Amino acid sequence: MVKIITLYRTPADAAAFERWYQQHLARIERLPNLRRVEVSRIWGTPAGGSPFHLMVELYFEDRAALEAALRSPEAVDASADLSRFAAGQVLVMFADAFEEERGGP
């Protein structure tokens, strides 16, 4: 699998961010080929606070599926929405995703 990782910096207005993000998430969930969405609210680091507020991971079967999704009208809409609200406040990355099963006691 592959994924898009989006890190959102801590917003100046958390309430406005949350209102916007709920609508933005609805846009994201319409992406074609999307297999899974994982949202993490960041509350700290080993050193204390974090400059990031939210991490969103969007999973796709493979690079071809991700690239097709990025060319879709839904992705164009979500990207424009992100640029309007959070320009300069997000970090977007692409990654290969691996899962390893761990044995329990």
Protein backbone atom coordinates (compact mmCIF):
# COMPACT_ATOMS: atom_id res chain seq x y z
CA MET A 1 0.00 0.00 0.00
CA VAL A 2 0.95 3.65 -0.35
CA LYS A 3 -0.30 6.71 1.46
CA ILE A 4 -0.52 10.46 1.51
CA ILE A 5 0.50 11.90 4.88
CA THR A 6 -0.69 15.39 5.71
CA LEU A 7 0.58 17.18 8.82
CA TYR A 8 -1.39 20.25 9.89
CA ARG A 9 0.42 22.81 12.04
CA THR A 10 -1.27 23.95 15.24
CA PRO A 11 -3.86 26.53 14.14
CA ALA A 12 -4.23 29.99 15.66
CA ASP A 13 -8.00 29.43 15.85
CA ALA A 14 -8.67 25.79 16.75
CA ALA A 15 -12.47 26.16 16.55
CA ALA A 16 -12.34 27.62 13.02
CA PHE A 17 -9.90 24.89 11.99
CA GLU A 18 -12.21 22.14 13.30
CA ARG A 19 -15.23 23.59 11.46
CA TRP A 20 -13.25 23.78 8.24
CA TYR A 21 -11.65 20.36 8.69
CA GLN A 22 -14.98 18.53 9.06
CA GLN A 23 -16.04 19.89 5.67
CA HIS A 24 -12.61 19.19 4.19
CA LEU A 25 -12.70 15.60 5.42
CA ALA A 26 -15.96 15.07 3.51
CA ARG A 27 -14.11 16.18 0.35
CA ILE A 28 -11.20 13.85 1.06
CA GLU A 29 -13.48 10.87 1.57
CA ARG A 30 -14.78 11.26 -2.01
CA LEU A 31 -11.34 10.56 -3.53
CA PRO A 32 -11.45 7.60 -5.93
CA ASN A 33 -9.45 4.49 -4.98
CA LEU A 34 -9.22 5.59 -1.33
CA ARG A 35 -8.92 2.49 0.84
CA ARG A 36 -8.59 3.93 4.34
CA VAL A 37 -8.41 7.24 6.18
CA GLU A 38 -6.59 7.52 9.50
CA VAL A 39 -6.75 10.76 11.50
CA SER A 40 -4.48 11.37 14.49
CA ARG A 41 -4.81 14.33 16.84
CA ILE A 42 -1.31 15.18 18.01
CA TRP A 43 -0.95 16.09 21.68
CA GLY A 44 2.77 16.13 22.21
CA THR A 45 6.28 14.81 21.69
CA PRO A 46 8.81 13.28 24.09
CA ALA A 47 10.18 16.80 24.53
CA GLY A 48 6.76 18.34 25.30
CA GLY A 49 4.57 20.22 22.85
CA SER A 50 4.33 19.76 19.10
CA PRO A 51 4.13 22.26 16.26
CA PHE A 52 1.56 19.94 14.66
CA HIS A 53 -2.11 19.58 15.50
CA LEU A 54 -3.34 16.83 13.19
CA MET A 55 -1.95 14.05 11.00
CA VAL A 56 -4.09 12.54 8.27
CA GLU A 57 -3.08 9.41 6.38
CA LEU A 58 -4.88 8.44 3.17
CA TYR A 59 -4.20 4.88 2.02
CA PHE A 60 -4.30 3.56 -1.55
CA GLU A 61 -3.61 0.09 -2.96
CA ASP A 62 -0.58 1.19 -5.00
CA ARG A 63 1.07 4.18 -6.67
CA ALA A 64 -1.09 3.87 -9.78
CA ALA A 65 -4.26 4.12 -7.66
CA LEU A 66 -2.85 7.11 -5.75
CA GLU A 67 -1.78 8.88 -8.94
CA ALA A 68 -5.20 8.30 -10.51
CA ALA A 69 -6.84 9.73 -7.39
CA LEU A 70 -4.59 12.81 -7.54
CA ARG A 71 -5.71 13.48 -11.14
CA SER A 72 -9.40 13.28 -10.23
CA PRO A 73 -11.80 16.24 -9.98
CA GLU A 74 -12.30 15.32 -6.32
CA ALA A 75 -8.58 15.77 -5.64
CA VAL A 76 -8.51 19.08 -7.50
CA ASP A 77 -11.42 20.27 -5.32
CA ALA A 78 -9.82 19.05 -2.07
CA SER A 79 -6.45 20.57 -3.00
CA ALA A 80 -8.00 23.95 -3.81
CA ASP A 81 -9.90 23.88 -0.52
CA LEU A 82 -6.69 23.05 1.36
CA SER A 83 -4.82 25.88 -0.37
CA ARG A 84 -7.56 28.39 0.44
CA PHE A 85 -7.73 27.57 4.15
CA ALA A 86 -4.37 26.17 5.19
CA ALA A 87 -1.78 27.48 2.74
CA GLY A 88 1.62 27.40 4.43
CA GLN A 89 0.22 25.49 7.40
CA VAL A 90 0.46 21.92 6.07
CA LEU A 91 3.12 19.45 5.07
CA VAL A 92 2.08 16.81 2.50
CA MET A 93 4.18 13.70 1.84
CA PHE A 94 3.86 10.44 -0.09
CA ALA A 95 5.06 7.14 1.40
CA ASP A 96 5.06 3.38 1.01
CA ALA A 97 3.12 1.80 3.86
CA PHE A 98 4.03 -1.52 5.50
CA GLU A 99 2.35 -3.41 8.30
CA GLU A 100 4.04 -5.96 10.48
CA GLU A 101 2.16 -8.33 12.73
CA ARG A 102 3.63 -8.70 16.18
CA GLY A 103 3.11 -11.75 18.29
CA GLY A 104 1.51 -11.25 21.69
CA PRO A 105 2.56 -12.83 24.99
